[in-house]
Amino acid sequence: MPGMPGFEFVRKVREIEPNVKILLMSAFEISDLEFSRALPSDTKIDGFVQKPVSPKELVRVIEDTVV
């Protein structure tokens, strides 16, 4: 994301609306372990998906995130 890292964006959105559901998507290949290490401890997200992702998988992740 040009100009602002995704984690910073998440923090700014949470300042405005703490209860909003946030699903991050990345084109960079990263393991779950690497992602959890990179995610700042004060940054709460509700889901994560990596591209390429099928429409079916994206819908599943969104549904899991919303519930």
PDB file of N, CA and C in Angstrom:
ATOM      1  N   MET A   1       0.847  -1.163   0.000  1.00  0.00           N
ATOM      2  CA  MET A   1       0.000   0.000   0.000  1.00  0.00           C
ATOM      3  C   MET A   1       0.898   1.233   0.000  1.00  0.00           C
ATOM      4  N   PRO A   2       0.849   2.008  -1.019  1.00  0.00           N
ATOM      5  CA  PRO A   2       1.731   3.173  -1.103  1.00  0.00           C
ATOM      6  C   PRO A   2       1.484   4.186   0.011  1.00  0.00           C
ATOM      7  N   GLY A   3       2.572   4.640   0.615  1.00  0.00           N
ATOM      8  CA  GLY A   3       2.474   5.724   1.585  1.00  0.00           C
ATOM      9  C   GLY A   3       2.181   5.329   3.015  1.00  0.00           C
ATOM     10  N   MET A   4       1.639   4.143   3.237  1.00  0.00           N
ATOM     11  CA  MET A   4       1.327   3.741   4.600  1.00  0.00           C
ATOM     12  C   MET A   4       1.329   2.208   4.684  1.00  0.00           C
ATOM     13  N   PRO A   5       2.115   1.656   5.604  1.00  0.00           N
ATOM     14  CA  PRO A   5       2.086   0.198   5.779  1.00  0.00           C
ATOM     15  C   PRO A   5       0.697  -0.272   6.216  1.00  0.00           C
ATOM     16  N   GLY A   6       0.344  -1.478   5.826  1.00  0.00           N
ATOM     17  CA  GLY A   6      -0.971  -2.022   6.157  1.00  0.00           C
ATOM     18  C   GLY A   6      -1.263  -2.045   7.642  1.00  0.00           C
ATOM     19  N   PHE A   7      -0.266  -2.381   8.473  1.00  0.00           N
ATOM     20  CA  PHE A   7      -0.491  -2.450   9.912  1.00  0.00           C
ATOM     21  C   PHE A   7      -0.813  -1.070  10.481  1.00  0.00           C
ATOM     22  N   GLU A   8      -0.173  -0.046   9.952  1.00  0.00           N
ATOM     23  CA  GLU A   8      -0.473   1.322  10.395  1.00  0.00           C
ATOM     24  C   GLU A   8      -1.895   1.703   9.992  1.00  0.00           C
ATOM     25  N   PHE A   9      -2.285   1.323   8.789  1.00  0.00           N
ATOM     26  CA  PHE A   9      -3.647   1.580   8.320  1.00  0.00           C
ATOM     27  C   PHE A   9      -4.669   0.928   9.256  1.00  0.00           C
ATOM     28  N   VAL A  10      -4.393  -0.326   9.646  1.00  0.00           N
ATOM     29  CA  VAL A  10      -5.289  -1.038  10.552  1.00  0.00           C
ATOM     30  C   VAL A  10      -5.438  -0.269  11.865  1.00  0.00           C
ATOM     31  N   ARG A  11      -4.332   0.198  12.416  1.00  0.00           N
ATOM     32  CA  ARG A  11      -4.388   0.944  13.679  1.00  0.00           C
ATOM     33  C   ARG A  11      -5.225   2.224  13.531  1.00  0.00           C
ATOM     34  N   LYS A  12      -5.058   2.920  12.408  1.00  0.00           N
ATOM     35  CA  LYS A  12      -5.816   4.156  12.188  1.00  0.00           C
ATOM     36  C   LYS A  12      -7.317   3.875  12.041  1.00  0.00           C
ATOM     37  N   VAL A  13      -7.661   2.805  11.346  1.00  0.00           N
ATOM     38  CA  VAL A  13      -9.072   2.433  11.200  1.00  0.00           C
ATOM     39  C   VAL A  13      -9.650   2.092  12.565  1.00  0.00           C
ATOM     40  N   ARG A  14      -8.912   1.348  13.378  1.00  0.00           N
ATOM     41  CA  ARG A  14      -9.389   0.963  14.716  1.00  0.00           C
ATOM     42  C   ARG A  14      -9.585   2.183  15.620  1.00  0.00           C
ATOM     43  N   GLU A  15      -8.788   3.225  15.418  1.00  0.00           N
ATOM     44  CA  GLU A  15      -8.983   4.458  16.198  1.00  0.00           C
ATOM     45  C   GLU A  15     -10.347   5.075  15.902  1.00  0.00           C
ATOM     46  N   ILE A  16     -10.756   4.986  14.633  1.00  0.00           N
ATOM     47  CA  ILE A  16     -12.027   5.565  14.209  1.00  0.00           C
ATOM     48  C   ILE A  16     -13.193   4.660  14.593  1.00  0.00           C
ATOM     49  N   GLU A  17     -13.045   3.359  14.346  1.00  0.00           N
ATOM     50  CA  GLU A  17     -14.119   2.393  14.609  1.00  0.00           C
ATOM     51  C   GLU A  17     -13.513   1.104  15.157  1.00  0.00           C
ATOM     52  N   PRO A  18     -13.419   0.983  16.484  1.00  0.00           N
ATOM     53  CA  PRO A  18     -12.743  -0.158  17.106  1.00  0.00           C
ATOM     54  C   PRO A  18     -13.350  -1.523  16.791  1.00  0.00           C
ATOM     55  N   ASN A  19     -14.627  -1.571  16.453  1.00  0.00           N
ATOM     56  CA  ASN A  19     -15.289  -2.863  16.255  1.00  0.00           C
ATOM     57  C   ASN A  19     -15.406  -3.300  14.795  1.00  0.00           C
ATOM     58  N   VAL A  20     -14.808  -2.539  13.879  1.00  0.00           N
ATOM     59  CA  VAL A  20     -14.878  -2.904  12.469  1.00  0.00           C
ATOM     60  C   VAL A  20     -14.101  -4.201  12.236  1.00  0.00           C
ATOM     61  N   LYS A  21     -14.612  -5.038  11.338  1.00  0.00           N
ATOM     62  CA  LYS A  21     -13.920  -6.278  10.976  1.00  0.00           C
ATOM     63  C   LYS A  21     -12.871  -5.946   9.925  1.00  0.00           C
ATOM     64  N   ILE A  22     -11.658  -6.455  10.121  1.00  0.00           N
ATOM     65  CA  ILE A  22     -10.564  -6.165   9.193  1.00  0.00           C
ATOM     66  C   ILE A  22      -9.968  -7.465   8.678  1.00  0.00           C
ATOM     67  N   LEU A  23      -9.960  -7.589   7.364  1.00  0.00           N
ATOM     68  CA  LEU A  23      -9.382  -8.728   6.668  1.00  0.00           C
ATOM     69  C   LEU A  23      -8.249  -8.202   5.804  1.00  0.00           C
ATOM     70  N   LEU A  24      -7.035  -8.663   6.054  1.00  0.00           N
ATOM     71  CA  LEU A  24      -5.893  -8.241   5.248  1.00  0.00           C
ATOM     72  C   LEU A  24      -5.662  -9.226   4.120  1.00  0.00           C
ATOM     73  N   MET A  25      -5.206  -8.700   2.980  1.00  0.00           N
ATOM     74  CA  MET A  25      -4.866  -9.523   1.831  1.00  0.00           C
ATOM     75  C   MET A  25      -3.489  -9.105   1.350  1.00  0.00           C
ATOM     76  N   SER A  26      -2.669 -10.079   0.986  1.00  0.00           N
ATOM     77  CA  SER A  26      -1.324  -9.779   0.525  1.00  0.00           C
ATOM     78  C   SER A  26      -0.969 -10.608  -0.695  1.00  0.00           C
ATOM     79  N   ALA A  27      -0.177 -10.007  -1.560  1.00  0.00           N
ATOM     80  CA  ALA A  27       0.339 -10.731  -2.717  1.00  0.00           C
ATOM     81  C   ALA A  27       1.688 -11.374  -2.396  1.00  0.00           C
ATOM     82  N   PHE A  28       2.247 -11.047  -1.230  1.00  0.00           N
ATOM     83  CA  PHE A  28       3.528 -11.607  -0.832  1.00  0.00           C
ATOM     84  C   PHE A  28       3.317 -12.947  -0.141  1.00  0.00           C
ATOM     85  N   GLU A  29       4.125 -13.934  -0.518  1.00  0.00           N
ATOM     86  CA  GLU A  29       4.028 -15.241   0.104  1.00  0.00           C
ATOM     87  C   GLU A  29       4.675 -15.193   1.483  1.00  0.00           C
ATOM     88  N   ILE A  30       3.908 -15.570   2.501  1.00  0.00           N
ATOM     89  CA  ILE A  30       4.397 -15.538   3.874  1.00  0.00           C
ATOM     90  C   ILE A  30       3.700 -16.656   4.654  1.00  0.00           C
ATOM     91  N   SER A  31       4.453 -17.353   5.477  1.00  0.00           N
ATOM     92  CA  SER A  31       3.854 -18.424   6.276  1.00  0.00           C
ATOM     93  C   SER A  31       3.080 -17.813   7.437  1.00  0.00           C
ATOM     94  N   ASP A  32       2.197 -18.607   8.022  1.00  0.00           N
ATOM     95  CA  ASP A  32       1.423 -18.136   9.173  1.00  0.00           C
ATOM     96  C   ASP A  32       2.355 -17.727  10.311  1.00  0.00           C
ATOM     97  N   LEU A  33       3.416 -18.489  10.525  1.00  0.00           N
ATOM     98  CA  LEU A  33       4.366 -18.184  11.594  1.00  0.00           C
ATOM     99  C   LEU A  33       5.079 -16.862  11.322  1.00  0.00           C
ATOM    100  N   GLU A  34       5.546 -16.674  10.077  1.00  0.00           N
ATOM    101  CA  GLU A  34       6.210 -15.411   9.722  1.00  0.00           C
ATOM    102  C   GLU A  34       5.246 -14.233   9.870  1.00  0.00           C
ATOM    103  N   PHE A  35       4.004 -14.443   9.462  1.00  0.00           N
ATOM    104  CA  PHE A  35       3.014 -13.370   9.555  1.00  0.00           C
ATOM    105  C   PHE A  35       2.760 -12.999  11.012  1.00  0.00           C
ATOM    106  N   SER A  36       2.590 -14.001  11.863  1.00  0.00           N
ATOM    107  CA  SER A  36       2.316 -13.708  13.273  1.00  0.00           C
ATOM    108  C   SER A  36       3.501 -13.007  13.928  1.00  0.00           C
ATOM    109  N   ARG A  37       4.709 -13.311  13.497  1.00  0.00           N
ATOM    110  CA  ARG A  37       5.891 -12.624  14.024  1.00  0.00           C
ATOM    111  C   ARG A  37       5.967 -11.183  13.526  1.00  0.00           C
ATOM    112  N   ALA A  38       5.519 -10.947  12.293  1.00  0.00           N
ATOM    113  CA  ALA A  38       5.586  -9.605  11.700  1.00  0.00           C
ATOM    114  C   ALA A  38       4.457  -8.695  12.202  1.00  0.00           C
ATOM    115  N   LEU A  39       3.342  -9.295  12.613  1.00  0.00           N
ATOM    116  CA  LEU A  39       2.192  -8.524  13.063  1.00  0.00           C
ATOM    117  C   LEU A  39       2.491  -7.894  14.421  1.00  0.00           C
ATOM    118  N   PRO A  40       2.504  -6.572  14.477  1.00  0.00           N
ATOM    119  CA  PRO A  40       2.742  -5.930  15.778  1.00  0.00           C
ATOM    120  C   PRO A  40       1.699  -6.384  16.802  1.00  0.00           C
ATOM    121  N   SER A  41       2.118  -6.570  18.038  1.00  0.00           N
ATOM    122  CA  SER A  41       1.223  -7.108  19.069  1.00  0.00           C
ATOM    123  C   SER A  41       0.007  -6.220  19.332  1.00  0.00           C
ATOM    124  N   ASP A  42       0.105  -4.935  19.022  1.00  0.00           N
ATOM    125  CA  ASP A  42      -1.026  -4.031  19.253  1.00  0.00           C
ATOM    126  C   ASP A  42      -1.931  -3.896  18.034  1.00  0.00           C
ATOM    127  N   THR A  43      -1.733  -4.736  17.021  1.00  0.00           N
ATOM    128  CA  THR A  43      -2.516  -4.671  15.793  1.00  0.00           C
ATOM    129  C   THR A  43      -3.447  -5.872  15.719  1.00  0.00           C
ATOM    130  N   LYS A  44      -4.761  -5.630  15.839  1.00  0.00           N
ATOM    131  CA  LYS A  44      -5.746  -6.705  15.807  1.00  0.00           C
ATOM    132  C   LYS A  44      -6.375  -6.776  14.420  1.00  0.00           C
ATOM    133  N   ILE A  45      -6.269  -7.958  13.810  1.00  0.00           N
ATOM    134  CA  ILE A  45      -6.963  -8.198  12.545  1.00  0.00           C
ATOM    135  C   ILE A  45      -7.898  -9.383  12.741  1.00  0.00           C
ATOM    136  N   ASP A  46      -8.872  -9.503  11.859  1.00  0.00           N
ATOM    137  CA  ASP A  46      -9.857 -10.570  11.982  1.00  0.00           C
ATOM    138  C   ASP A  46      -9.648 -11.699  10.985  1.00  0.00           C
ATOM    139  N   GLY A  47      -8.822 -11.464   9.982  1.00  0.00           N
ATOM    140  CA  GLY A  47      -8.546 -12.498   8.999  1.00  0.00           C
ATOM    141  C   GLY A  47      -7.426 -12.085   8.076  1.00  0.00           C
ATOM    142  N   PHE A  48      -6.864 -13.071   7.385  1.00  0.00           N
ATOM    143  CA  PHE A  48      -5.755 -12.827   6.474  1.00  0.00           C
ATOM    144  C   PHE A  48      -5.857 -13.815   5.320  1.00  0.00           C
ATOM    145  N   VAL A  49      -5.621 -13.329   4.118  1.00  0.00           N
ATOM    146  CA  VAL A  49      -5.636 -14.185   2.934  1.00  0.00           C
ATOM    147  C   VAL A  49      -4.507 -13.752   2.011  1.00  0.00           C
ATOM    148  N   GLN A  50      -3.958 -14.734   1.289  1.00  0.00           N
ATOM    149  CA  GLN A  50      -2.872 -14.446   0.353  1.00  0.00           C
ATOM    150  C   GLN A  50      -3.344 -14.658  -1.081  1.00  0.00           C
ATOM    151  N   LYS A  51      -2.904 -13.761  -1.953  1.00  0.00           N
ATOM    152  CA  LYS A  51      -3.185 -13.917  -3.384  1.00  0.00           C
ATOM    153  C   LYS A  51      -2.221 -14.962  -3.944  1.00  0.00           C
ATOM    154  N   PRO A  52      -2.581 -15.694  -4.949  1.00  0.00           N
ATOM    155  CA  PRO A  52      -3.917 -15.722  -5.560  1.00  0.00           C
ATOM    156  C   PRO A  52      -4.877 -16.502  -4.672  1.00  0.00           C
ATOM    157  N   VAL A  53      -6.093 -16.065  -4.663  1.00  0.00           N
ATOM    158  CA  VAL A  53      -7.135 -16.725  -3.876  1.00  0.00           C
ATOM    159  C   VAL A  53      -8.353 -16.905  -4.777  1.00  0.00           C
ATOM    160  N   SER A  54      -8.945 -18.066  -4.688  1.00  0.00           N
ATOM    161  CA  SER A  54     -10.126 -18.334  -5.511  1.00  0.00           C
ATOM    162  C   SER A  54     -11.326 -17.571  -4.932  1.00  0.00           C
ATOM    163  N   PRO A  55     -12.286 -17.256  -5.769  1.00  0.00           N
ATOM    164  CA  PRO A  55     -13.486 -16.583  -5.257  1.00  0.00           C
ATOM    165  C   PRO A  55     -14.161 -17.391  -4.139  1.00  0.00           C
ATOM    166  N   LYS A  56     -14.201 -18.700  -4.277  1.00  0.00           N
ATOM    167  CA  LYS A  56     -14.821 -19.564  -3.269  1.00  0.00           C
ATOM    168  C   LYS A  56     -14.089 -19.437  -1.933  1.00  0.00           C
ATOM    169  N   GLU A  57     -12.765 -19.476  -1.953  1.00  0.00           N
ATOM    170  CA  GLU A  57     -11.970 -19.355  -0.734  1.00  0.00           C
ATOM    171  C   GLU A  57     -12.123 -17.964  -0.125  1.00  0.00           C
ATOM    172  N   LEU A  58     -12.153 -16.929  -0.948  1.00  0.00           N
ATOM    173  CA  LEU A  58     -12.321 -15.567  -0.449  1.00  0.00           C
ATOM    174  C   LEU A  58     -13.675 -15.415   0.258  1.00  0.00           C
ATOM    175  N   VAL A  59     -14.715 -15.957  -0.323  1.00  0.00           N
ATOM    176  CA  VAL A  59     -16.044 -15.902   0.303  1.00  0.00           C
ATOM    177  C   VAL A  59     -16.015 -16.638   1.642  1.00  0.00           C
ATOM    178  N   ARG A  60     -15.348 -17.798   1.696  1.00  0.00           N
ATOM    179  CA  ARG A  60     -15.265 -18.560   2.944  1.00  0.00           C
ATOM    180  C   ARG A  60     -14.561 -17.754   4.030  1.00  0.00           C
ATOM    181  N   VAL A  61     -13.439 -17.118   3.678  1.00  0.00           N
ATOM    182  CA  VAL A  61     -12.687 -16.330   4.653  1.00  0.00           C
ATOM    183  C   VAL A  61     -13.513 -15.132   5.133  1.00  0.00           C
ATOM    184  N   ILE A  62     -14.197 -14.478   4.211  1.00  0.00           N
ATOM    185  CA  ILE A  62     -15.046 -13.343   4.591  1.00  0.00           C
ATOM    186  C   ILE A  62     -16.150 -13.795   5.522  1.00  0.00           C
ATOM    187  N   GLU A  63     -16.813 -14.887   5.183  1.00  0.00           N
ATOM    188  CA  GLU A  63     -17.881 -15.394   6.047  1.00  0.00           C
ATOM    189  C   GLU A  63     -17.345 -15.775   7.425  1.00  0.00           C
ATOM    190  N   ASP A  64     -16.180 -16.395   7.482  1.00  0.00           N
ATOM    191  CA  ASP A  64     -15.577 -16.767   8.765  1.00  0.00           C
ATOM    192  C   ASP A  64     -15.209 -15.522   9.573  1.00  0.00           C
ATOM    193  N   THR A  65     -14.817 -14.455   8.895  1.00  0.00           N
ATOM    194  CA  THR A  65     -14.398 -13.227   9.560  1.00  0.00           C
ATOM    195  C   THR A  65     -15.597 -12.478  10.124  1.00  0.00           C
ATOM    196  N   VAL A  66     -16.694 -12.467   9.415  1.00  0.00           N
ATOM    197  CA  VAL A  66     -17.874 -11.707   9.813  1.00  0.00           C
ATOM    198  C   VAL A  66     -18.573 -12.360  10.997  1.00  0.00           C
ATOM    199  N   VAL A  67     -18.563 -13.656  11.054  1.00  0.00           N
ATOM    200  CA  VAL A  67     -19.278 -14.377  12.127  1.00  0.00           C
ATOM    201  C   VAL A  67     -18.555 -14.298  13.435  1.00  0.00           C
TER     202      VAL A  67
END
